[in-house]
Amino acid sequence: MAKRGGFPGGMPGNMNNLMKQAQKMQKQMEENQKALEEKEFTASAGGGAVEVTISGKKEVTRIKLSEEVVDPDDIEMLEDLIIAATNEALRKVEEAAASAMSKLTGGLGGFGF
């Protein structure tokens, strides 16, 4: 009769290894998150007329405007350029985060990560 329960082939040892790998991955993820938060990402719009810098924490840290883009008769264009540059900088933060995550999980495709 087949034995019920347990893990044939020494599964508990493999479970320990799996737990160690998970802990190592968690530590690496925390380190990558901290490194990402310390970076800055800059994007521009309007041919460089508007430049926005965002931290890895997704906080706007700087907005730079060229004099020629500041037109009191066309505030709407300036607003659109600021939005465009901000959104592009946010996309750069997301891309950097996704890239860091894929480097960590790249070898774990068989585990559903």
N, C-alpha and C. Protein backbone atom coordinates (compact mmCIF):
# COMPACT_ATOMS: atom_id res chain seq x y z
N MET A 1 0.83 -1.19 0.00
CA MET A 1 0.00 0.00 0.00
C MET A 1 0.87 1.24 0.00
N ALA A 2 0.33 2.22 -0.67
CA ALA A 2 1.08 3.48 -0.72
C ALA A 2 0.98 4.20 0.61
N LYS A 3 2.05 4.79 0.99
CA LYS A 3 2.09 5.53 2.25
C LYS A 3 1.44 6.89 2.04
N ARG A 4 0.59 7.28 2.94
CA ARG A 4 -0.11 8.58 2.83
C ARG A 4 0.63 9.61 3.65
N GLY A 5 0.57 10.90 3.14
CA GLY A 5 1.18 11.99 3.89
C GLY A 5 2.67 12.06 3.62
N GLY A 6 3.27 13.08 4.11
CA GLY A 6 4.71 13.24 3.93
C GLY A 6 5.07 13.69 2.53
N PHE A 7 6.32 13.92 2.32
CA PHE A 7 6.82 14.36 1.02
C PHE A 7 7.94 13.42 0.61
N PRO A 8 7.66 12.51 -0.30
CA PRO A 8 8.72 11.57 -0.71
C PRO A 8 9.86 12.31 -1.40
N GLY A 9 11.03 11.78 -1.21
CA GLY A 9 12.19 12.35 -1.90
C GLY A 9 12.82 13.52 -1.16
N GLY A 10 12.51 13.69 0.09
CA GLY A 10 13.19 14.73 0.87
C GLY A 10 12.66 16.13 0.64
N MET A 11 11.40 16.30 0.47
CA MET A 11 10.80 17.61 0.22
C MET A 11 11.09 18.63 1.32
N PRO A 12 11.10 18.23 2.62
CA PRO A 12 11.38 19.25 3.64
C PRO A 12 12.69 19.99 3.42
N GLY A 13 13.72 19.30 2.96
CA GLY A 13 14.99 19.96 2.66
C GLY A 13 14.84 20.96 1.53
N ASN A 14 14.07 20.57 0.51
CA ASN A 14 13.83 21.48 -0.59
C ASN A 14 13.01 22.68 -0.14
N MET A 15 12.11 22.48 0.80
CA MET A 15 11.28 23.57 1.33
C MET A 15 12.18 24.58 2.04
N ASN A 16 13.18 24.10 2.77
CA ASN A 16 14.11 25.02 3.44
C ASN A 16 14.86 25.85 2.42
N ASN A 17 15.30 25.21 1.35
CA ASN A 17 16.01 25.95 0.30
C ASN A 17 15.10 26.99 -0.34
N LEU A 18 13.85 26.60 -0.57
CA LEU A 18 12.89 27.52 -1.17
C LEU A 18 12.66 28.72 -0.26
N MET A 19 12.55 28.49 1.03
CA MET A 19 12.35 29.58 1.99
C MET A 19 13.57 30.51 2.01
N LYS A 20 14.76 29.94 1.96
CA LYS A 20 15.97 30.75 1.94
C LYS A 20 16.02 31.61 0.68
N GLN A 21 15.64 31.02 -0.45
CA GLN A 21 15.62 31.78 -1.71
C GLN A 21 14.59 32.90 -1.65
N ALA A 22 13.44 32.63 -1.05
CA ALA A 22 12.40 33.65 -0.93
C ALA A 22 12.87 34.79 -0.04
N GLN A 23 13.54 34.47 1.05
CA GLN A 23 14.06 35.51 1.94
C GLN A 23 15.13 36.34 1.25
N LYS A 24 15.99 35.67 0.48
CA LYS A 24 17.03 36.38 -0.26
C LYS A 24 16.39 37.31 -1.29
N MET A 25 15.35 36.82 -1.99
CA MET A 25 14.68 37.63 -2.98
C MET A 25 14.01 38.84 -2.33
N GLN A 26 13.39 38.63 -1.18
CA GLN A 26 12.73 39.74 -0.47
C GLN A 26 13.76 40.80 -0.09
N LYS A 27 14.91 40.39 0.38
CA LYS A 27 15.96 41.35 0.75
C LYS A 27 16.43 42.12 -0.49
N GLN A 28 16.60 41.41 -1.61
CA GLN A 28 17.02 42.08 -2.84
C GLN A 28 15.95 43.06 -3.32
N MET A 29 14.68 42.68 -3.18
CA MET A 29 13.60 43.58 -3.59
C MET A 29 13.61 44.85 -2.74
N GLU A 30 13.83 44.70 -1.45
CA GLU A 30 13.89 45.86 -0.56
C GLU A 30 15.07 46.76 -0.93
N GLU A 31 16.22 46.16 -1.23
CA GLU A 31 17.40 46.94 -1.63
C GLU A 31 17.15 47.67 -2.94
N ASN A 32 16.52 46.97 -3.90
CA ASN A 32 16.21 47.61 -5.18
C ASN A 32 15.23 48.75 -5.01
N GLN A 33 14.23 48.58 -4.15
CA GLN A 33 13.24 49.63 -3.90
C GLN A 33 13.93 50.86 -3.30
N LYS A 34 14.82 50.64 -2.36
CA LYS A 34 15.54 51.75 -1.74
C LYS A 34 16.40 52.48 -2.77
N ALA A 35 17.10 51.72 -3.61
CA ALA A 35 17.93 52.33 -4.65
C ALA A 35 17.07 53.11 -5.64
N LEU A 36 15.91 52.58 -6.00
CA LEU A 36 15.01 53.26 -6.92
C LEU A 36 14.53 54.58 -6.32
N GLU A 37 14.20 54.57 -5.04
CA GLU A 37 13.70 55.77 -4.38
C GLU A 37 14.74 56.88 -4.34
N GLU A 38 16.02 56.53 -4.39
CA GLU A 38 17.09 57.52 -4.34
C GLU A 38 17.40 58.12 -5.72
N LYS A 39 16.88 57.52 -6.78
CA LYS A 39 17.13 58.01 -8.14
C LYS A 39 16.18 59.14 -8.50
N GLU A 40 16.57 59.89 -9.53
CA GLU A 40 15.71 60.92 -10.10
C GLU A 40 15.52 60.63 -11.58
N PHE A 41 14.34 60.95 -12.08
CA PHE A 41 13.99 60.71 -13.47
C PHE A 41 13.49 62.02 -14.06
N THR A 42 14.07 62.42 -15.19
CA THR A 42 13.73 63.68 -15.82
C THR A 42 13.18 63.43 -17.21
N ALA A 43 12.13 64.18 -17.55
CA ALA A 43 11.56 64.11 -18.88
C ALA A 43 11.20 65.52 -19.31
N SER A 44 11.16 65.73 -20.63
CA SER A 44 10.83 67.05 -21.14
C SER A 44 9.71 66.97 -22.17
N ALA A 45 9.13 68.13 -22.44
CA ALA A 45 8.07 68.23 -23.44
C ALA A 45 8.24 69.56 -24.16
N GLY A 46 7.63 69.66 -25.32
CA GLY A 46 7.73 70.90 -26.08
C GLY A 46 9.13 71.19 -26.56
N GLY A 47 9.83 70.14 -26.97
CA GLY A 47 11.20 70.32 -27.46
C GLY A 47 12.15 70.82 -26.38
N GLY A 48 11.88 70.46 -25.14
CA GLY A 48 12.75 70.86 -24.03
C GLY A 48 12.30 72.13 -23.34
N ALA A 49 11.18 72.69 -23.76
CA ALA A 49 10.68 73.93 -23.15
C ALA A 49 10.23 73.71 -21.71
N VAL A 50 9.76 72.51 -21.41
CA VAL A 50 9.33 72.15 -20.06
C VAL A 50 10.07 70.88 -19.66
N GLU A 51 10.66 70.92 -18.48
CA GLU A 51 11.40 69.76 -17.98
C GLU A 51 10.92 69.46 -16.56
N VAL A 52 10.56 68.21 -16.30
CA VAL A 52 10.08 67.80 -14.98
C VAL A 52 10.97 66.68 -14.46
N THR A 53 11.34 66.80 -13.19
CA THR A 53 12.14 65.77 -12.53
C THR A 53 11.31 65.19 -11.39
N ILE A 54 11.32 63.85 -11.34
CA ILE A 54 10.55 63.12 -10.33
C ILE A 54 11.48 62.15 -9.62
N SER A 55 11.28 62.00 -8.32
CA SER A 55 12.07 61.04 -7.56
C SER A 55 11.51 59.64 -7.76
N GLY A 56 12.29 58.66 -7.36
CA GLY A 56 11.82 57.28 -7.40
C GLY A 56 10.64 57.03 -6.49
N LYS A 57 10.38 57.97 -5.60
CA LYS A 57 9.20 57.89 -4.72
C LYS A 57 7.97 58.48 -5.39
N LYS A 58 8.12 58.86 -6.66
CA LYS A 58 7.05 59.44 -7.47
C LYS A 58 6.62 60.81 -6.95
N GLU A 59 7.59 61.60 -6.52
CA GLU A 59 7.35 62.96 -6.08
C GLU A 59 8.04 63.92 -7.04
N VAL A 60 7.32 64.96 -7.47
CA VAL A 60 7.92 65.96 -8.34
C VAL A 60 8.94 66.74 -7.51
N THR A 61 10.18 66.76 -7.98
CA THR A 61 11.22 67.46 -7.24
C THR A 61 11.67 68.75 -7.92
N ARG A 62 11.38 68.87 -9.24
CA ARG A 62 11.82 70.08 -9.95
C ARG A 62 11.02 70.24 -11.24
N ILE A 63 10.69 71.48 -11.53
CA ILE A 63 10.09 71.84 -12.82
C ILE A 63 10.89 72.99 -13.38
N LYS A 64 11.36 72.83 -14.61
CA LYS A 64 12.15 73.87 -15.27
C LYS A 64 11.39 74.33 -16.51
N LEU A 65 11.19 75.64 -16.64
CA LEU A 65 10.47 76.20 -17.77
C LEU A 65 11.38 77.14 -18.55
N SER A 66 11.35 77.04 -19.87
CA SER A 66 12.04 78.00 -20.71
C SER A 66 11.20 79.27 -20.79
N GLU A 67 11.85 80.41 -20.87
CA GLU A 67 11.13 81.69 -20.91
C GLU A 67 10.12 81.74 -22.05
N GLU A 68 10.49 81.21 -23.21
CA GLU A 68 9.61 81.32 -24.37
C GLU A 68 8.30 80.56 -24.23
N VAL A 69 8.24 79.61 -23.30
CA VAL A 69 7.02 78.83 -23.13
C VAL A 69 6.03 79.52 -22.19
N VAL A 70 6.50 80.53 -21.47
CA VAL A 70 5.63 81.25 -20.53
C VAL A 70 4.94 82.39 -21.28
N ASP A 71 3.74 82.09 -21.77
CA ASP A 71 2.94 83.05 -22.53
C ASP A 71 1.63 83.26 -21.78
N PRO A 72 1.43 84.46 -21.19
CA PRO A 72 0.21 84.69 -20.42
C PRO A 72 -1.07 84.50 -21.25
N ASP A 73 -0.96 84.59 -22.56
CA ASP A 73 -2.14 84.41 -23.41
C ASP A 73 -2.38 82.94 -23.75
N ASP A 74 -1.47 82.05 -23.36
CA ASP A 74 -1.64 80.62 -23.69
C ASP A 74 -1.22 79.75 -22.50
N ILE A 75 -1.85 79.98 -21.37
CA ILE A 75 -1.57 79.20 -20.16
C ILE A 75 -1.90 77.72 -20.39
N GLU A 76 -2.92 77.47 -21.17
CA GLU A 76 -3.36 76.09 -21.42
C GLU A 76 -2.24 75.25 -22.05
N MET A 77 -1.49 75.81 -22.97
CA MET A 77 -0.40 75.06 -23.59
C MET A 77 0.66 74.73 -22.54
N LEU A 78 0.99 75.68 -21.69
CA LEU A 78 1.99 75.44 -20.65
C LEU A 78 1.51 74.32 -19.71
N GLU A 79 0.25 74.37 -19.33
CA GLU A 79 -0.30 73.32 -18.47
C GLU A 79 -0.20 71.95 -19.15
N ASP A 80 -0.52 71.88 -20.43
CA ASP A 80 -0.44 70.62 -21.17
C ASP A 80 0.99 70.10 -21.24
N LEU A 81 1.95 71.00 -21.43
CA LEU A 81 3.36 70.58 -21.50
C LEU A 81 3.85 70.06 -20.15
N ILE A 82 3.42 70.70 -19.08
CA ILE A 82 3.81 70.24 -17.75
C ILE A 82 3.23 68.85 -17.49
N ILE A 83 1.98 68.67 -17.84
CA ILE A 83 1.35 67.35 -17.67
C ILE A 83 2.08 66.29 -18.49
N ALA A 84 2.39 66.61 -19.74
CA ALA A 84 3.06 65.64 -20.62
C ALA A 84 4.43 65.26 -20.07
N ALA A 85 5.20 66.24 -19.63
CA ALA A 85 6.53 65.95 -19.09
C ALA A 85 6.44 65.16 -17.79
N THR A 86 5.48 65.50 -16.94
CA THR A 86 5.30 64.79 -15.68
C THR A 86 4.92 63.33 -15.93
N ASN A 87 3.99 63.11 -16.82
CA ASN A 87 3.57 61.73 -17.13
C ASN A 87 4.72 60.91 -17.72
N GLU A 88 5.53 61.53 -18.56
CA GLU A 88 6.67 60.81 -19.14
C GLU A 88 7.68 60.46 -18.06
N ALA A 89 7.94 61.37 -17.13
CA ALA A 89 8.87 61.08 -16.04
C ALA A 89 8.33 59.95 -15.17
N LEU A 90 7.03 59.95 -14.90
CA LEU A 90 6.41 58.86 -14.13
C LEU A 90 6.54 57.53 -14.86
N ARG A 91 6.40 57.53 -16.18
CA ARG A 91 6.59 56.30 -16.96
C ARG A 91 8.02 55.78 -16.80
N LYS A 92 8.98 56.70 -16.76
CA LYS A 92 10.38 56.28 -16.57
C LYS A 92 10.58 55.61 -15.22
N VAL A 93 9.94 56.13 -14.17
CA VAL A 93 10.02 55.51 -12.85
C VAL A 93 9.44 54.10 -12.91
N GLU A 94 8.27 53.96 -13.53
CA GLU A 94 7.63 52.65 -13.64
C GLU A 94 8.48 51.66 -14.43
N GLU A 95 9.09 52.12 -15.51
CA GLU A 95 9.95 51.25 -16.32
C GLU A 95 11.15 50.78 -15.51
N ALA A 96 11.75 51.68 -14.73
CA ALA A 96 12.90 51.31 -13.92
C ALA A 96 12.50 50.30 -12.85
N ALA A 97 11.33 50.48 -12.25
CA ALA A 97 10.86 49.54 -11.23
C ALA A 97 10.57 48.18 -11.87
N ALA A 98 9.93 48.17 -13.03
CA ALA A 98 9.62 46.90 -13.71
C ALA A 98 10.90 46.19 -14.13
N SER A 99 11.88 46.94 -14.58
CA SER A 99 13.15 46.35 -15.00
C SER A 99 13.86 45.70 -13.81
N ALA A 100 13.88 46.41 -12.68
CA ALA A 100 14.53 45.86 -11.49
C ALA A 100 13.81 44.59 -11.03
N MET A 101 12.49 44.59 -11.10
CA MET A 101 11.72 43.42 -10.67
C MET A 101 11.97 42.23 -11.60
N SER A 102 12.03 42.48 -12.90
CA SER A 102 12.23 41.37 -13.84
C SER A 102 13.62 40.76 -13.68
N LYS A 103 14.60 41.55 -13.28
CA LYS A 103 15.93 41.00 -13.03
C LYS A 103 15.90 40.03 -11.85
N LEU A 104 15.07 40.35 -10.86
CA LEU A 104 14.97 39.47 -9.68
C LEU A 104 14.18 38.21 -9.99
N THR A 105 13.11 38.34 -10.72
CA THR A 105 12.20 37.21 -10.93
C THR A 105 12.45 36.47 -12.23
N GLY A 106 13.40 36.92 -13.03
CA GLY A 106 13.64 36.32 -14.33
C GLY A 106 13.90 34.83 -14.30
N GLY A 107 14.56 34.35 -13.27
CA GLY A 107 14.88 32.93 -13.19
C GLY A 107 13.81 32.11 -12.51
N LEU A 108 12.69 32.72 -12.16
CA LEU A 108 11.68 31.97 -11.41
C LEU A 108 10.42 31.74 -12.22
N GLY A 109 10.52 31.71 -13.52
CA GLY A 109 9.35 31.54 -14.37
C GLY A 109 8.53 30.31 -14.05
N GLY A 110 9.14 29.25 -13.61
CA GLY A 110 8.43 28.02 -13.31
C GLY A 110 7.64 28.06 -12.02
N PHE A 111 7.83 29.08 -11.19
CA PHE A 111 7.15 29.15 -9.91
C PHE A 111 5.95 30.08 -9.94
N GLY A 112 5.64 30.65 -11.09
CA GLY A 112 4.47 31.50 -11.19
C GLY A 112 4.68 32.93 -10.77
N PHE A 113 5.93 33.35 -10.58
CA PHE A 113 6.20 34.73 -10.20
C PHE A 113 6.21 35.62 -11.41
